[in-house]
Amino acid sequence: MPTKTSVLIASIASAVLFTVAAPTPEASAASITKATYQTTDALNLRASATTSSKKLLTIPKGKSVVSSYKTGNWYKVSYSSKTGYVSGSYLKKKAAVKASTVGTSFTKTNYTTTDSLSLRKSDSAASTKLLTIPKGTTLSSSYKKGSWYKVSYKSKTGYVAGSYLKKKAVVTASATGTTFAKTNYITLDALNLRTSNSATSAKLLTIPKGKIVTSSYRKDNWYQVSYGSKKGYVSGSYLKKTTSSSASLPPVGSAADYSGTTMYVLVPFNDSLTLRSGASSISPSIGTLPRGSVVTVTNALHKTKGFVAVKTSDGRYGYVEATYLSLFQPSMSARPLVVLDPGHGGHDVGAARYGIYERDIVMSVAKLVAERLSKTVDVKLTRYTNDYYPSLTDRSVISNAHKTNIFVSIHINAASSTSAYGAENFYYRGNASVALSRNLQNNLVNSIGLRDRGIKFGNLAVLRGTNAPATLTELGFLSNANDRAKLVSTSYQQRYADAVANAILSSL
């Protein structure tokens, strides 16, 4: 008769054998019908389908993501140029909005967007996104399907959700206006010339972007101008005062076409840049490019933010996020990263005197600074041609996308009085920014012989939005004859570059 001990041992052995023999369930991986999901909480995007894998970023609560592949309870999604996996426990499938077959025409009405708003190809949240319309933009519509309004924006026509539109009050033309000295203005965008000072009045024609118009009379924010034998009113929101009287913007100083430019992938170590089949963060990945990879730009449009078309060194064609490209090859060993921001650009020429433009000079100096720094640190420019204008927000976003050690925005001053002269530097927050501003100020004063206007607190958008130690440096006054002579001098531009580069290196 077996003892209790022998029975217990036999039972344990049997349990062990059963455990070993039992198969381990494998997570099923499969393609699924493409669907849109909403995050129900802040959600980590991970490199693979496990909580122990590398976290790429955190997707905020309430964001929409698209998935067509899952493994177990992990869904493969893309967000903010990163592709990885998220837990399905924090996703809620969004109901597909079916496009209605019949729409309604109505009197053309103006609306203001109450938030950033996606322009879609059809009247459905699941349809292709054409672009994003900024908050506060005025749109016109005369047709809708359900709650989707058909509108046009930046040469694209599509549908937007009516829940983010607010009907604009009709502007009634005021009876009296204001007469002032005849002044020249540059049009900052394609601009409608209307019969009266109202957005609902008849459109006479469209004045192209970059044209010079003259006005000496306005009603509210509407300026009376003449263009192409027509006389009418244009919105002052799209005009910028200028001293030029030529028929268009001043020369940009460099060709707009930058196809064929060699660039380098600038991402953190052990990371890579996704090469996609289309110009979208949800376009399928066709490969990855590690830090330092060489690409050739194949599209003409100059961009430092958004997707650009490239050809890789091994012959593949695709699209990458321009934020992670640099004109200067990054080191394969750890070293600091400096972001240089040449102020203004494109239609925004900055300070202007006697046919000389701030936009052009700061670009020249910034490139010289970058060349000097690239021997010692990694360098990224927020723009590198004079025909391109990144917004103030874009400049900060570009810097914040990297582990930036120093951010320097390069500018030139101007004043109504020709007696104002000298260099000054602005900071917004942090001791490191103060020290950087002081180093730049001292180097400019001592190396160039400029008047010391000191360092100052500056509540400036490009500094407020930048996380890294940051300064905005003013190299002198274009309105002052002595400063201007130095700023336009090729030899002095070399000295400016040396002063700025030395200040940055001593601040690292």
Protein backbone atom coordinates (compact mmCIF):
# COMPACT_ATOMS: atom_id res chain seq x y z
CA MET A 1 0.00 0.00 0.00
CA PRO A 2 1.52 3.35 -1.01
CA THR A 3 2.24 5.85 1.70
CA LYS A 4 0.77 9.39 1.75
CA THR A 5 4.23 10.70 0.95
CA SER A 6 4.61 8.56 -2.18
CA VAL A 7 1.15 9.60 -3.39
CA LEU A 8 1.98 13.29 -2.90
CA ILE A 9 5.27 12.90 -4.81
CA ALA A 10 3.50 11.16 -7.66
CA SER A 11 0.87 13.91 -7.83
CA ILE A 12 3.52 16.64 -7.96
CA ALA A 13 5.41 14.81 -10.69
CA SER A 14 2.23 14.40 -12.69
CA ALA A 15 1.47 18.13 -12.38
CA VAL A 16 4.97 19.05 -13.54
CA LEU A 17 4.73 16.75 -16.52
CA PHE A 18 1.34 18.19 -17.46
CA THR A 19 2.69 21.74 -17.21
CA VAL A 20 5.66 20.98 -19.42
CA ALA A 21 3.54 19.15 -21.95
CA ALA A 22 0.85 21.84 -22.19
CA PRO A 23 1.45 24.07 -25.22
CA THR A 24 2.03 27.81 -24.65
CA PRO A 25 -0.68 29.81 -26.41
CA GLU A 26 0.78 32.08 -29.08
CA ALA A 27 -0.61 35.54 -29.73
CA SER A 28 -2.41 35.58 -33.04
CA ALA A 29 -1.16 38.14 -35.57
CA ALA A 30 -3.32 39.12 -38.51
CA SER A 31 -4.33 41.86 -40.89
CA ILE A 32 -7.68 43.38 -39.99
CA THR A 33 -10.09 45.66 -41.76
CA LYS A 34 -8.65 49.16 -41.70
CA ALA A 35 -10.48 51.14 -39.02
CA THR A 36 -10.16 54.34 -37.02
CA TYR A 37 -9.87 54.16 -33.23
CA GLN A 38 -9.91 56.79 -30.48
CA THR A 39 -7.56 56.62 -27.51
CA THR A 40 -9.49 56.44 -24.22
CA ASP A 41 -6.45 57.48 -22.16
CA ALA A 42 -2.87 58.65 -22.63
CA LEU A 43 -1.34 55.67 -24.45
CA ASN A 44 2.26 54.55 -24.96
CA LEU A 45 3.33 53.77 -28.54
CA ARG A 46 5.90 50.96 -28.29
CA ALA A 47 8.45 49.49 -30.70
CA SER A 48 6.88 46.03 -30.51
CA ALA A 49 3.80 44.30 -29.11
CA THR A 50 4.91 44.07 -25.49
CA THR A 51 4.91 46.38 -22.46
CA SER A 52 8.62 45.74 -21.99
CA SER A 53 9.58 47.06 -25.43
CA LYS A 54 10.94 50.57 -26.06
CA LYS A 55 8.44 53.44 -25.67
CA LEU A 56 8.52 55.64 -28.82
CA LEU A 57 6.15 58.35 -27.54
CA THR A 58 2.86 58.88 -25.68
CA ILE A 59 -0.34 59.43 -27.68
CA PRO A 60 -2.68 61.82 -25.81
CA LYS A 61 -6.18 60.81 -24.78
CA GLY A 62 -8.87 61.43 -27.38
CA LYS A 63 -6.61 61.19 -30.45
CA SER A 64 -7.63 59.22 -33.55
CA VAL A 65 -5.35 56.49 -34.89
CA VAL A 66 -5.78 54.06 -37.79
CA SER A 67 -4.89 50.36 -37.74
CA SER A 68 -5.13 47.47 -40.19
CA TYR A 69 -2.95 44.99 -38.28
CA LYS A 70 -2.97 43.47 -34.80
CA THR A 71 -1.16 40.83 -32.82
CA GLY A 72 -2.95 39.60 -29.73
CA ASN A 73 -4.44 42.71 -28.17
CA TRP A 74 -1.77 45.00 -29.66
CA TYR A 75 -2.63 47.23 -32.63
CA LYS A 76 -0.08 48.57 -35.10
CA VAL A 77 -0.58 52.33 -35.61
CA SER A 78 1.29 55.47 -36.71
CA TYR A 79 1.34 58.78 -34.84
CA SER A 80 3.50 61.88 -35.19
CA SER A 81 5.86 60.21 -37.74
CA LYS A 82 6.36 57.15 -35.48
CA THR A 83 4.99 53.64 -36.15
CA GLY A 84 4.61 51.04 -33.40
CA TYR A 85 2.14 49.16 -31.24
CA VAL A 86 -0.48 50.21 -28.68
CA SER A 87 -2.60 48.21 -26.29
CA GLY A 88 -6.15 47.61 -27.54
CA SER A 89 -7.41 48.02 -23.98
CA TYR A 90 -7.19 51.79 -24.44
CA LEU A 91 -8.71 52.00 -27.91
CA LYS A 92 -12.34 52.55 -28.84
CA LYS A 93 -13.42 51.89 -32.40
CA LYS A 94 -14.94 54.95 -34.02
CA ALA A 95 -18.16 54.46 -35.88
CA ALA A 96 -17.70 54.88 -39.62
CA VAL A 97 -19.51 57.88 -40.98
CA LYS A 98 -21.18 56.95 -44.23
CA ALA A 99 -21.24 59.59 -46.90
CA SER A 100 -24.75 60.73 -47.62
CA THR A 101 -25.79 60.50 -51.24
CA VAL A 102 -27.77 63.74 -51.36
CA GLY A 103 -26.54 67.15 -50.29
CA THR A 104 -28.07 70.60 -49.92
CA SER A 105 -27.17 73.80 -51.75
CA PHE A 106 -27.61 77.11 -49.91
CA THR A 107 -26.65 80.78 -50.14
CA LYS A 108 -22.87 81.19 -50.00
CA THR A 109 -21.94 81.80 -46.35
CA ASN A 110 -18.69 82.60 -44.54
CA TYR A 111 -17.59 80.55 -41.52
CA THR A 112 -14.70 80.69 -39.04
CA THR A 113 -12.96 77.48 -37.94
CA THR A 114 -13.18 77.09 -34.14
CA ASP A 115 -10.27 74.62 -34.02
CA SER A 116 -7.66 73.06 -36.30
CA LEU A 117 -9.78 71.21 -38.82
CA SER A 118 -9.12 68.38 -41.30
CA LEU A 119 -10.16 68.95 -44.91
CA ARG A 120 -11.24 65.55 -46.20
CA LYS A 121 -11.82 64.16 -49.69
CA SER A 122 -15.46 63.26 -48.99
CA ASP A 123 -18.11 63.76 -46.32
CA SER A 124 -16.71 61.15 -43.93
CA ALA A 125 -14.23 61.13 -41.06
CA ALA A 126 -12.75 57.97 -42.58
CA SER A 127 -12.04 59.55 -45.97
CA THR A 128 -8.61 60.75 -47.09
CA LYS A 129 -7.28 63.81 -45.27
CA LEU A 130 -6.14 66.46 -47.77
CA LEU A 131 -4.67 68.98 -45.32
CA THR A 132 -5.26 70.71 -41.97
CA ILE A 133 -6.96 74.11 -41.86
CA PRO A 134 -5.75 76.30 -38.94
CA LYS A 135 -8.04 77.56 -36.20
CA GLY A 136 -9.52 81.00 -36.95
CA THR A 137 -9.49 80.59 -40.74
CA THR A 138 -12.38 82.04 -42.74
CA LEU A 139 -14.02 79.56 -45.15
CA SER A 140 -16.94 79.90 -47.58
CA SER A 141 -19.49 77.20 -48.34
CA SER A 142 -22.68 76.90 -50.35
CA TYR A 143 -23.14 73.11 -50.21
CA LYS A 144 -23.32 70.48 -47.47
CA LYS A 145 -24.02 66.78 -46.97
CA GLY A 146 -25.39 66.00 -43.56
CA SER A 147 -23.14 67.93 -41.17
CA TRP A 148 -20.22 68.12 -43.68
CA TYR A 149 -19.61 71.38 -45.53
CA LYS A 150 -17.90 71.59 -48.91
CA VAL A 151 -15.14 74.22 -48.87
CA SER A 152 -11.92 75.17 -50.65
CA TYR A 153 -8.61 76.01 -48.97
CA LYS A 154 -5.09 76.42 -50.43
CA SER A 155 -6.16 75.11 -53.88
CA LYS A 156 -7.77 72.00 -52.32
CA THR A 157 -11.52 71.35 -52.29
CA GLY A 158 -13.13 68.90 -49.88
CA TYR A 159 -15.35 68.55 -46.83
CA VAL A 160 -15.05 69.73 -43.21
CA ALA A 161 -17.09 68.85 -40.13
CA GLY A 162 -19.71 71.53 -39.43
CA SER A 163 -19.26 71.10 -35.67
CA TYR A 164 -16.01 73.09 -35.97
CA LEU A 165 -17.46 75.95 -38.00
CA LYS A 166 -18.98 79.16 -36.69
CA LYS A 167 -21.05 81.34 -38.97
CA LYS A 168 -19.52 84.79 -39.42
CA ALA A 169 -21.66 87.85 -38.97
CA VAL A 170 -22.20 89.77 -42.19
CA VAL A 171 -19.90 92.77 -42.34
CA THR A 172 -21.81 95.92 -43.12
CA ALA A 173 -19.82 98.55 -44.99
CA SER A 174 -19.26 101.60 -42.83
CA ALA A 175 -20.41 104.93 -44.14
CA THR A 176 -17.15 106.77 -43.49
CA GLY A 177 -13.51 105.81 -43.77
CA THR A 178 -10.05 107.21 -43.05
CA THR A 179 -7.74 109.06 -45.44
CA PHE A 180 -3.98 108.75 -44.87
CA ALA A 181 -0.67 109.30 -46.66
CA LYS A 182 -0.23 107.16 -49.77
CA THR A 183 1.45 103.90 -48.65
CA ASN A 184 2.77 100.81 -50.44
CA TYR A 185 1.81 97.31 -49.24
CA ILE A 186 2.85 93.76 -50.19
CA THR A 187 0.08 91.16 -50.53
CA LEU A 188 0.94 88.25 -48.20
CA ASP A 189 -1.37 85.80 -49.98
CA ALA A 190 -3.67 85.66 -53.01
CA LEU A 191 -6.13 88.42 -52.15
CA ASN A 192 -9.65 89.16 -53.41
CA LEU A 193 -10.36 92.70 -54.63
CA ARG A 194 -14.02 93.43 -53.79
CA THR A 195 -16.52 96.13 -54.74
CA SER A 196 -16.92 97.35 -51.14
CA ASN A 197 -15.48 96.88 -47.65
CA SER A 198 -17.23 93.56 -47.01
CA ALA A 199 -16.31 89.90 -47.45
CA THR A 200 -19.77 89.30 -48.93
CA SER A 201 -19.46 91.97 -51.63
CA ALA A 202 -18.81 91.06 -55.26
CA LYS A 203 -15.29 89.90 -56.16
CA LEU A 204 -13.72 91.93 -58.96
CA LEU A 205 -10.53 89.86 -59.33
CA THR A 206 -7.80 88.14 -57.29
CA ILE A 207 -4.50 89.93 -56.69
CA PRO A 208 -1.62 87.38 -56.62
CA LYS A 209 0.60 86.90 -53.58
CA GLY A 210 3.66 89.15 -53.48
CA LYS A 211 2.26 92.07 -55.47
CA ILE A 212 2.64 95.73 -54.48
CA VAL A 213 -0.54 97.78 -54.07
CA THR A 214 -0.95 101.39 -52.98
CA SER A 215 -3.62 102.80 -50.68
CA SER A 216 -4.48 106.14 -49.07
CA TYR A 217 -7.99 105.30 -47.86
CA ARG A 218 -9.52 102.58 -45.71
CA LYS A 219 -12.84 101.63 -44.12
CA ASP A 220 -12.42 99.59 -40.96
CA ASN A 221 -9.74 97.02 -41.92
CA TRP A 222 -10.51 97.27 -45.65
CA TYR A 223 -8.07 99.20 -47.86
CA GLN A 224 -9.06 100.84 -51.14
CA VAL A 225 -6.57 99.90 -53.87
CA SER A 226 -6.35 99.65 -57.66
CA TYR A 227 -5.08 96.62 -59.55
CA GLY A 228 -5.41 95.54 -63.19
CA SER A 229 -7.63 98.52 -64.13
CA LYS A 230 -10.03 97.65 -61.28
CA LYS A 231 -10.55 99.70 -58.13
CA GLY A 232 -11.96 98.19 -54.96
CA TYR A 233 -11.25 97.01 -51.42
CA VAL A 234 -8.95 94.34 -49.95
CA SER A 235 -8.64 92.99 -46.42
CA GLY A 236 -5.80 94.57 -44.43
CA SER A 237 -5.14 91.20 -42.77
CA TYR A 238 -3.24 90.15 -45.89
CA LEU A 239 -1.24 93.33 -46.42
CA LYS A 240 2.22 94.24 -45.09
CA LYS A 241 3.56 97.79 -45.26
CA THR A 242 6.69 98.11 -47.42
CA THR A 243 9.02 100.86 -48.65
CA SER A 244 9.28 99.14 -52.05
CA SER A 245 7.30 100.38 -55.05
CA SER A 246 8.21 97.53 -57.44
CA ALA A 247 5.55 95.28 -58.89
CA SER A 248 6.42 92.21 -56.84
CA LEU A 249 8.43 90.92 -53.91
CA PRO A 250 12.19 91.56 -54.01
CA PRO A 251 14.42 88.83 -55.49
CA VAL A 252 14.68 85.82 -53.21
CA GLY A 253 18.42 85.48 -53.69
CA SER A 254 18.37 81.74 -54.48
CA ALA A 255 16.49 79.40 -56.78
CA ALA A 256 13.25 77.93 -55.46
CA ASP A 257 14.04 74.51 -56.91
CA TYR A 258 16.17 72.50 -54.51
CA SER A 259 15.68 69.07 -56.08
CA GLY A 260 18.99 67.24 -56.23
CA THR A 261 20.11 68.56 -52.84
CA THR A 262 22.06 66.03 -50.76
CA MET A 263 20.86 65.74 -47.18
CA TYR A 264 21.48 63.52 -44.17
CA VAL A 265 19.19 61.76 -41.72
CA LEU A 266 19.40 63.44 -38.30
CA VAL A 267 17.75 61.26 -35.66
CA PRO A 268 18.90 60.10 -32.19
CA PHE A 269 21.36 57.22 -31.91
CA ASN A 270 19.76 53.77 -32.19
CA ASP A 271 16.74 55.36 -33.88
CA SER A 272 15.73 55.55 -37.54
CA LEU A 273 13.61 57.60 -39.94
CA THR A 274 10.67 55.90 -41.66
CA LEU A 275 10.66 55.98 -45.45
CA ARG A 276 7.01 56.02 -46.57
CA SER A 277 5.20 55.40 -49.84
CA GLY A 278 3.28 58.68 -49.55
CA ALA A 279 3.53 62.14 -48.00
CA SER A 280 1.64 61.23 -44.82
CA SER A 281 2.41 59.74 -41.40
CA ILE A 282 -0.16 57.01 -42.07
CA SER A 283 1.26 56.08 -45.49
CA PRO A 284 2.74 52.56 -45.50
CA SER A 285 6.37 52.20 -44.47
CA ILE A 286 8.70 50.96 -47.19
CA GLY A 287 11.80 50.93 -45.01
CA THR A 288 13.80 52.79 -42.41
CA LEU A 289 16.88 55.01 -42.65
CA PRO A 290 19.39 55.07 -39.78
CA ARG A 291 21.18 58.19 -38.50
CA GLY A 292 23.60 59.61 -41.06
CA SER A 293 21.92 58.02 -44.10
CA VAL A 294 22.40 60.01 -47.32
CA VAL A 295 19.33 60.98 -49.37
CA THR A 296 18.77 63.14 -52.43
CA VAL A 297 15.76 65.45 -52.45
CA THR A 298 13.64 64.82 -55.57
CA ASN A 299 10.89 67.45 -55.24
CA ALA A 300 11.40 71.16 -55.92
CA LEU A 301 9.53 72.56 -52.92
CA HIS A 302 11.81 73.68 -50.11
CA LYS A 303 10.50 72.52 -46.72
CA THR A 304 12.04 71.96 -43.31
CA LYS A 305 8.79 70.64 -41.81
CA GLY A 306 6.36 68.18 -43.40
CA PHE A 307 7.06 65.42 -45.89
CA VAL A 308 9.52 65.71 -48.80
CA ALA A 309 10.23 63.29 -51.63
CA VAL A 310 13.68 61.67 -51.57
CA LYS A 311 15.80 59.02 -53.24
CA THR A 312 17.96 56.87 -50.96
CA SER A 313 21.57 55.94 -51.66
CA ASP A 314 20.43 52.40 -52.59
CA GLY A 315 17.93 53.68 -55.16
CA ARG A 316 14.62 53.59 -53.27
CA TYR A 317 12.09 56.40 -53.72
CA GLY A 318 9.75 57.58 -50.96
CA TYR A 319 8.82 60.33 -48.53
CA VAL A 320 10.38 61.35 -45.20
CA GLU A 321 9.66 64.00 -42.57
CA ALA A 322 11.90 67.00 -43.37
CA THR A 323 12.28 67.82 -39.66
CA TYR A 324 14.74 64.92 -39.46
CA LEU A 325 16.97 65.93 -42.37
CA SER A 326 20.02 68.19 -42.26
CA LEU A 327 22.36 69.75 -44.82
CA PHE A 328 25.24 68.75 -42.56
CA GLN A 329 26.25 65.15 -41.91
CA PRO A 330 25.77 64.26 -38.23
CA SER A 331 28.51 62.57 -36.26
CA MET A 332 28.20 58.88 -35.45
CA SER A 333 29.54 59.62 -31.98
CA ALA A 334 27.74 61.62 -29.29
CA ARG A 335 28.11 65.39 -29.65
CA PRO A 336 25.83 68.42 -29.06
CA LEU A 337 23.15 69.57 -31.51
CA VAL A 338 22.67 73.26 -32.38
CA VAL A 339 19.60 74.59 -34.24
CA LEU A 340 20.15 77.84 -36.16
CA ASP A 341 17.11 79.90 -37.15
CA PRO A 342 17.69 82.50 -39.91
CA GLY A 343 14.83 84.93 -39.25
CA HIS A 344 12.03 85.73 -41.72
CA GLY A 345 12.25 84.22 -45.24
CA GLY A 346 10.05 83.94 -48.31
CA HIS A 347 7.42 86.69 -48.46
CA ASP A 348 8.60 88.07 -45.10
CA VAL A 349 11.75 90.04 -45.95
CA GLY A 350 12.17 91.48 -42.45
CA ALA A 351 13.94 94.83 -42.13
CA ALA A 352 14.45 96.55 -45.50
CA ARG A 353 16.51 99.59 -46.53
CA TYR A 354 17.75 100.68 -49.98
CA GLY A 355 16.98 97.31 -51.60
CA ILE A 356 18.79 95.40 -48.83
CA TYR A 357 16.76 92.79 -46.93
CA GLU A 358 17.26 91.26 -43.50
CA ARG A 359 16.02 87.90 -44.84
CA ASP A 360 19.00 87.58 -47.20
CA ILE A 361 21.77 88.72 -44.84
CA VAL A 362 20.77 86.48 -41.91
CA MET A 363 20.59 83.49 -44.28
CA SER A 364 24.14 84.17 -45.46
CA VAL A 365 25.46 84.54 -41.90
CA ALA A 366 23.56 81.47 -40.62
CA LYS A 367 25.07 79.24 -43.32
CA LEU A 368 28.56 80.49 -42.47
CA VAL A 369 27.93 79.80 -38.78
CA ALA A 370 26.64 76.31 -39.61
CA GLU A 371 29.73 75.50 -41.67
CA ARG A 372 31.99 76.48 -38.79
CA LEU A 373 29.96 74.58 -36.18
CA SER A 374 29.56 71.40 -38.26
CA LYS A 375 33.20 70.52 -37.64
CA THR A 376 32.50 70.26 -33.90
CA VAL A 377 28.75 69.79 -33.33
CA ASP A 378 25.68 68.58 -35.22
CA VAL A 379 23.75 71.39 -36.92
CA LYS A 380 20.16 71.87 -38.13
CA LEU A 381 18.80 74.96 -39.96
CA THR A 382 15.13 75.97 -39.78
CA ARG A 383 15.38 77.18 -43.39
CA TYR A 384 18.20 77.10 -45.93
CA THR A 385 16.88 79.07 -48.90
CA ASN A 386 15.45 82.60 -49.05
CA ASP A 387 12.25 81.56 -50.86
CA TYR A 388 10.85 79.65 -47.85
CA TYR A 389 9.09 80.93 -44.73
CA PRO A 390 8.65 78.58 -41.75
CA SER A 391 6.12 79.92 -39.25
CA LEU A 392 7.31 80.96 -35.78
CA THR A 393 5.68 77.82 -34.41
CA ASP A 394 7.41 75.65 -37.05
CA ARG A 395 10.81 76.97 -35.96
CA SER A 396 10.21 75.95 -32.33
CA VAL A 397 8.69 72.61 -33.34
CA ILE A 398 11.76 71.77 -35.44
CA SER A 399 14.04 72.45 -32.48
CA ASN A 400 11.84 70.60 -29.99
CA ALA A 401 11.72 67.49 -32.21
CA HIS A 402 15.42 66.97 -31.49
CA LYS A 403 17.53 66.77 -28.35
CA THR A 404 18.67 70.32 -29.07
CA ASN A 405 21.38 71.79 -26.84
CA ILE A 406 21.21 75.38 -28.12
CA PHE A 407 18.79 77.36 -30.33
CA VAL A 408 19.86 80.69 -31.88
CA SER A 409 17.52 82.86 -33.96
CA ILE A 410 19.51 85.34 -36.09
CA HIS A 411 18.02 88.77 -36.93
CA ILE A 412 18.85 92.35 -37.91
CA ASN A 413 17.29 95.44 -36.34
CA ALA A 414 15.81 98.57 -37.93
CA ALA A 415 14.41 101.81 -36.53
CA SER A 416 12.73 104.97 -37.80
CA SER A 417 15.72 106.94 -36.51
CA THR A 418 19.04 106.43 -38.31
CA SER A 419 20.93 107.13 -35.07
CA ALA A 420 19.99 103.79 -33.45
CA TYR A 421 22.83 101.27 -33.78
CA GLY A 422 24.55 98.32 -32.13
CA ALA A 423 23.94 94.68 -31.13
CA GLU A 424 21.53 93.24 -28.57
CA ASN A 425 20.39 89.78 -27.50
CA PHE A 426 17.10 88.53 -26.06
CA TYR A 427 16.31 85.58 -23.77
CA TYR A 428 13.02 84.28 -22.37
CA ARG A 429 13.70 81.72 -19.63
CA GLY A 430 16.50 79.95 -17.76
CA ASN A 431 20.02 80.73 -16.66
CA ALA A 432 21.46 78.86 -19.65
CA SER A 433 19.60 81.19 -22.03
CA VAL A 434 20.86 84.23 -20.14
CA ALA A 435 24.45 82.94 -20.32
CA LEU A 436 24.09 82.18 -24.03
CA SER A 437 22.75 85.70 -24.70
CA ARG A 438 25.61 87.25 -22.74
CA ASN A 439 28.24 85.21 -24.63
CA LEU A 440 26.76 86.23 -27.97
CA GLN A 441 26.56 89.88 -26.93
CA ASN A 442 30.18 89.98 -25.74
CA ASN A 443 31.49 88.27 -28.89
CA LEU A 444 29.59 90.59 -31.24
CA VAL A 445 30.68 93.73 -29.38
CA ASN A 446 34.33 92.69 -29.06
CA SER A 447 34.81 91.03 -32.48
CA ILE A 448 32.77 93.34 -34.70
CA GLY A 449 33.14 96.59 -32.74
CA LEU A 450 29.41 97.10 -32.31
CA ARG A 451 27.76 99.29 -29.71
CA ASP A 452 26.74 97.25 -26.67
CA ARG A 453 22.94 97.53 -26.29
CA GLY A 454 22.96 94.76 -23.69
CA ILE A 455 20.96 91.58 -23.16
CA LYS A 456 17.24 91.80 -22.46
CA PHE A 457 14.22 89.71 -21.55
CA GLY A 458 12.11 89.17 -24.66
CA ASN A 459 8.59 87.73 -24.61
CA LEU A 460 9.08 86.50 -28.18
CA ALA A 461 7.13 83.59 -29.70
CA VAL A 462 10.15 81.81 -31.13
CA LEU A 463 11.83 81.85 -27.69
CA ARG A 464 8.67 81.03 -25.70
CA GLY A 465 7.98 77.94 -27.78
CA THR A 466 11.51 76.53 -27.73
CA ASN A 467 12.49 74.09 -24.98
CA ALA A 468 16.28 74.32 -25.39
CA PRO A 469 18.38 77.23 -24.07
CA ALA A 470 17.57 79.91 -26.65
CA THR A 471 18.43 83.44 -27.69
CA LEU A 472 17.40 85.85 -30.43
CA THR A 473 20.40 87.86 -31.56
CA GLU A 474 20.22 91.22 -33.37
CA LEU A 475 23.42 91.78 -35.40
CA GLY A 476 22.98 95.53 -35.80
CA PHE A 477 20.68 98.12 -37.42
CA LEU A 478 20.03 98.08 -41.15
CA SER A 479 18.70 101.62 -40.74
CA ASN A 480 22.10 102.91 -39.50
CA ALA A 481 24.75 103.65 -42.15
CA ASN A 482 27.74 102.31 -40.15
CA ASP A 483 26.00 99.09 -39.07
CA ARG A 484 24.61 98.58 -42.58
CA ALA A 485 28.05 98.87 -44.17
CA LYS A 486 29.27 96.00 -41.97
CA LEU A 487 26.18 93.86 -42.46
CA VAL A 488 26.44 93.89 -46.28
CA SER A 489 30.21 93.38 -46.30
CA THR A 490 31.31 89.82 -47.22
CA SER A 491 34.38 90.05 -44.98
CA TYR A 492 32.31 91.32 -42.05
CA GLN A 493 29.75 88.55 -42.54
CA GLN A 494 32.64 86.12 -42.03
CA ARG A 495 33.50 87.94 -38.79
CA TYR A 496 29.85 87.86 -37.66
CA ALA A 497 29.82 84.11 -38.28
CA ASP A 498 33.02 83.60 -36.28
CA ALA A 499 31.61 85.64 -33.37
CA VAL A 500 28.32 83.73 -33.28
CA ALA A 501 29.98 80.31 -33.67
CA ASN A 502 32.54 81.03 -30.93
CA ALA A 503 29.81 82.19 -28.57
CA ILE A 504 27.79 79.03 -29.15
CA LEU A 505 30.76 76.72 -28.65
CA SER A 506 31.74 78.48 -25.42
CA SER A 507 28.16 78.05 -24.17
CA LEU A 508 28.03 74.27 -24.64
